[in-house]
Amino acid sequence: MRFSLGSIRQWHWISGAWCLVGILLFSLTGITLNHAADIPANKKITEIDASLPASVIDEFVALPEGEAVIPDVLVDFVSDKYDVAIPASVVGEWDGIEFYAAWPGPGTDSWVAVDSELEMVTYESVDRGWISYFNDLHKGRNTGAVWPWFIDVFAVACIIFSVTGLQLLMRHASSRASTWPVTVLGVLIPFVILLLFVH
């Protein structure tokens, strides 16, 4: 199938418009990831060590051993007393005595442990800040099921943008003498860096 110049332009500007925010996001986070060691860490750690009422312990004791969804009574207890939000969908392991669950997210890591014999709950959440949040979005780390699909679709749109851009360069190269020297330079620079400086 042969595309007209107009259709190539249309594919190019539509894919470019759709990719605009994504390209900015991934470009900026590429810089922050490349200089992660130079950016000061801004961690916020939330910790809880508390006794649990018998009503909460009873809910755990009633659980079957193995994988279990965190009981609502614990979610409500931690929320009401410490203003800490634990996702109600968190799944952990219960061995009849101890319950443990962890739920990492972009820029965060959280876990909770319950000891039914000691009637204690231990909770910790580490928030590494918004830069870490966007860095994890860049890597698709702990972002759930939908975000990786967005990355795939975004990557396809970037390919369309690049291929149609190349076709437009080919169409206009005869009237712009610098087209291919600049294009070849863009290809050669990373290869030269890899050959000479990456070992």
Protein backbone atom coordinates (compact mmCIF):
# COMPACT_ATOMS: atom_id res chain seq x y z
CA MET A 1 0.00 0.00 0.00
CA ARG A 2 1.39 3.40 -0.99
CA PHE A 3 0.88 6.30 1.37
CA SER A 4 0.52 9.81 0.06
CA LEU A 5 2.65 12.61 1.48
CA GLY A 6 -0.38 13.95 3.27
CA SER A 7 -1.11 10.67 5.05
CA ILE A 8 2.51 10.35 6.15
CA ARG A 9 2.37 13.85 7.57
CA GLN A 10 -0.90 13.02 9.30
CA TRP A 11 0.51 9.87 10.90
CA HIS A 12 3.59 11.85 11.91
CA TRP A 13 1.85 14.74 13.62
CA ILE A 14 -0.84 12.60 15.25
CA SER A 15 1.73 10.17 16.70
CA GLY A 16 3.91 13.13 17.72
CA ALA A 17 1.03 14.87 19.47
CA TRP A 18 0.02 11.66 21.23
CA CYS A 19 3.62 10.99 22.34
CA LEU A 20 4.43 14.55 23.43
CA VAL A 21 3.83 14.21 27.18
CA GLY A 22 5.27 10.68 27.25
CA ILE A 23 8.45 11.77 25.45
CA LEU A 24 8.90 14.63 27.92
CA LEU A 25 8.29 12.28 30.88
CA PHE A 26 10.69 9.59 29.68
CA SER A 27 13.33 12.15 28.65
CA LEU A 28 13.27 13.92 32.03
CA THR A 29 13.28 10.66 33.99
CA GLY A 30 16.09 9.40 31.76
CA ILE A 31 18.16 12.31 33.09
CA THR A 32 17.15 11.70 36.72
CA LEU A 33 17.89 7.97 36.40
CA ASN A 34 21.25 8.68 34.78
CA HIS A 35 22.16 10.96 37.71
CA ALA A 36 20.41 9.05 40.50
CA ALA A 37 23.58 8.98 42.62
CA ASP A 38 23.88 12.77 42.40
CA ILE A 39 20.31 13.52 43.47
CA PRO A 40 19.89 13.71 47.27
CA ALA A 41 17.58 11.05 48.70
CA ASN A 42 14.41 12.42 50.24
CA LYS A 43 13.03 9.46 52.16
CA LYS A 44 10.01 9.64 54.39
CA ILE A 45 9.72 6.63 56.70
CA THR A 46 6.52 5.83 58.57
CA GLU A 47 6.74 3.18 61.30
CA ILE A 48 4.18 1.66 63.64
CA ASP A 49 4.74 -0.75 66.51
CA ALA A 50 1.53 -1.20 68.43
CA SER A 51 -0.54 -3.59 70.50
CA LEU A 52 -3.68 -4.93 68.87
CA PRO A 53 -7.07 -5.32 70.53
CA ALA A 54 -8.45 -8.82 70.95
CA SER A 55 -11.12 -8.21 68.29
CA VAL A 56 -8.43 -7.73 65.64
CA ILE A 57 -6.45 -10.77 66.76
CA ASP A 58 -9.61 -12.90 66.63
CA GLU A 59 -10.05 -12.00 62.95
CA PHE A 60 -6.56 -13.28 62.18
CA VAL A 61 -6.94 -16.46 64.22
CA ALA A 62 -10.06 -17.27 62.20
CA LEU A 63 -8.17 -17.07 58.89
CA PRO A 64 -7.24 -20.28 57.04
CA GLU A 65 -3.50 -20.79 56.74
CA GLY A 66 -1.86 -19.70 53.50
CA GLU A 67 -2.59 -16.68 51.35
CA ALA A 68 -5.14 -14.33 52.85
CA VAL A 69 -6.48 -10.85 52.22
CA ILE A 70 -5.65 -8.47 55.04
CA PRO A 71 -8.68 -8.26 57.38
CA ASP A 72 -10.68 -5.04 57.25
CA VAL A 73 -10.47 -4.68 61.03
CA LEU A 74 -6.70 -4.18 60.82
CA VAL A 75 -7.05 -1.71 57.94
CA ASP A 76 -9.61 0.26 59.97
CA PHE A 77 -7.56 0.07 63.18
CA VAL A 78 -4.40 1.44 61.56
CA SER A 79 -6.37 4.09 59.68
CA ASP A 80 -8.36 5.30 62.69
CA LYS A 81 -5.52 5.29 65.22
CA TYR A 82 -2.50 6.27 63.11
CA ASP A 83 -4.01 7.85 59.99
CA VAL A 84 -2.17 5.33 57.81
CA ALA A 85 -3.88 3.88 54.74
CA ILE A 86 -3.32 0.20 53.99
CA PRO A 87 -4.93 -0.96 50.71
CA ALA A 88 -7.82 -3.28 51.50
CA SER A 89 -6.81 -5.54 48.59
CA VAL A 90 -3.40 -6.42 50.06
CA VAL A 91 -2.75 -10.17 50.11
CA GLY A 92 -0.33 -11.69 52.61
CA GLU A 93 0.69 -15.00 54.18
CA TRP A 94 -0.81 -16.34 57.39
CA ASP A 95 0.81 -19.35 59.09
CA GLY A 96 -1.56 -19.60 62.02
CA ILE A 97 0.57 -17.35 64.24
CA GLU A 98 2.08 -14.62 62.09
CA PHE A 99 0.75 -12.62 59.16
CA TYR A 100 3.02 -10.80 56.72
CA ALA A 101 2.20 -8.71 53.66
CA ALA A 102 4.22 -6.38 51.45
CA TRP A 103 3.01 -4.08 48.68
CA PRO A 104 5.67 -2.13 46.79
CA GLY A 105 4.56 0.77 44.62
CA PRO A 106 6.26 3.34 42.41
CA GLY A 107 8.61 5.24 44.70
CA THR A 108 7.38 3.40 47.79
CA ASP A 109 7.82 0.14 49.70
CA SER A 110 5.44 -0.90 52.47
CA TRP A 111 4.93 -3.96 54.65
CA VAL A 112 2.95 -5.04 57.67
CA ALA A 113 3.41 -7.93 60.10
CA VAL A 114 1.07 -9.21 62.79
CA ASP A 115 2.08 -11.55 65.62
CA SER A 116 -1.04 -13.10 67.13
CA GLU A 117 0.81 -14.49 70.16
CA LEU A 118 2.36 -11.14 71.08
CA GLU A 119 -0.78 -9.34 69.87
CA MET A 120 1.42 -6.82 68.05
CA VAL A 121 1.39 -5.14 64.65
CA THR A 122 4.50 -3.76 62.96
CA TYR A 123 4.19 -1.53 59.93
CA GLU A 124 6.75 0.31 57.84
CA SER A 125 6.42 2.44 54.73
CA VAL A 126 9.29 4.12 52.88
CA ASP A 127 8.40 6.94 50.49
CA ARG A 128 11.44 7.90 48.43
CA GLY A 129 9.90 11.06 46.96
CA TRP A 130 8.41 12.20 43.67
CA ILE A 131 11.64 11.81 41.67
CA SER A 132 11.80 8.15 42.65
CA TYR A 133 8.09 7.87 41.83
CA PHE A 134 8.60 9.07 38.25
CA ASN A 135 11.80 7.01 37.90
CA ASP A 136 9.81 3.90 38.74
CA LEU A 137 7.19 4.90 36.18
CA HIS A 138 10.01 5.09 33.62
CA LYS A 139 11.11 1.54 34.50
CA GLY A 140 7.57 0.18 34.88
CA ARG A 141 8.53 -0.90 38.42
CA ASN A 142 5.67 -1.83 40.73
CA THR A 143 3.15 0.07 38.59
CA GLY A 144 0.38 -2.51 38.31
CA ALA A 145 -1.01 -4.14 35.18
CA VAL A 146 -2.18 -1.14 33.14
CA TRP A 147 0.91 1.11 33.09
CA PRO A 148 3.14 -1.46 31.31
CA TRP A 149 0.49 -1.65 28.59
CA PHE A 150 0.65 2.12 28.26
CA ILE A 151 4.43 1.90 27.86
CA ASP A 152 4.00 -0.68 25.06
CA VAL A 153 1.42 1.45 23.21
CA PHE A 154 3.56 4.55 23.72
CA ALA A 155 6.59 2.71 22.30
CA VAL A 156 4.60 1.72 19.19
CA ALA A 157 3.51 5.34 18.74
CA CYS A 158 7.16 6.46 19.02
CA ILE A 159 8.11 3.93 16.33
CA ILE A 160 5.38 5.32 14.06
CA PHE A 161 6.62 8.84 14.77
CA SER A 162 10.21 7.86 13.93
CA VAL A 163 9.40 5.87 10.78
CA THR A 164 7.11 8.54 9.35
CA GLY A 165 9.71 11.16 10.23
CA LEU A 166 12.30 9.17 8.26
CA GLN A 167 9.94 8.96 5.29
CA LEU A 168 9.40 12.72 5.41
CA LEU A 169 13.17 13.22 5.50
CA MET A 170 13.50 11.03 2.41
CA ARG A 171 10.81 13.04 0.63
CA HIS A 172 12.48 16.39 1.34
CA ALA A 173 16.16 15.39 1.32
CA SER A 174 16.72 16.60 -2.24
CA SER A 175 15.85 20.17 -1.25
CA ARG A 176 17.71 20.14 2.07
CA ALA A 177 21.40 19.30 1.69
CA SER A 178 22.02 18.85 5.42
CA THR A 179 19.33 16.15 5.84
CA TRP A 180 21.48 13.02 5.51
CA PRO A 181 24.69 14.34 7.14
CA VAL A 182 22.69 15.28 10.24
CA THR A 183 20.78 11.97 10.19
CA VAL A 184 23.96 9.91 9.81
CA LEU A 185 25.58 11.91 12.60
CA GLY A 186 22.66 11.03 14.89
CA VAL A 187 23.24 7.35 14.11
CA LEU A 188 27.03 7.42 14.42
CA ILE A 189 27.40 9.35 17.68
CA PRO A 190 25.98 6.62 20.00
CA PHE A 191 27.90 3.87 18.14
CA VAL A 192 31.19 5.77 18.43
CA ILE A 193 30.57 6.35 22.15
CA LEU A 194 29.82 2.63 22.63
CA LEU A 195 32.93 1.55 20.75
CA LEU A 196 35.33 3.99 22.39
CA PHE A 197 34.05 4.58 25.90
CA VAL A 198 31.80 1.66 26.96
CA HIS A 199 33.78 -1.42 27.96
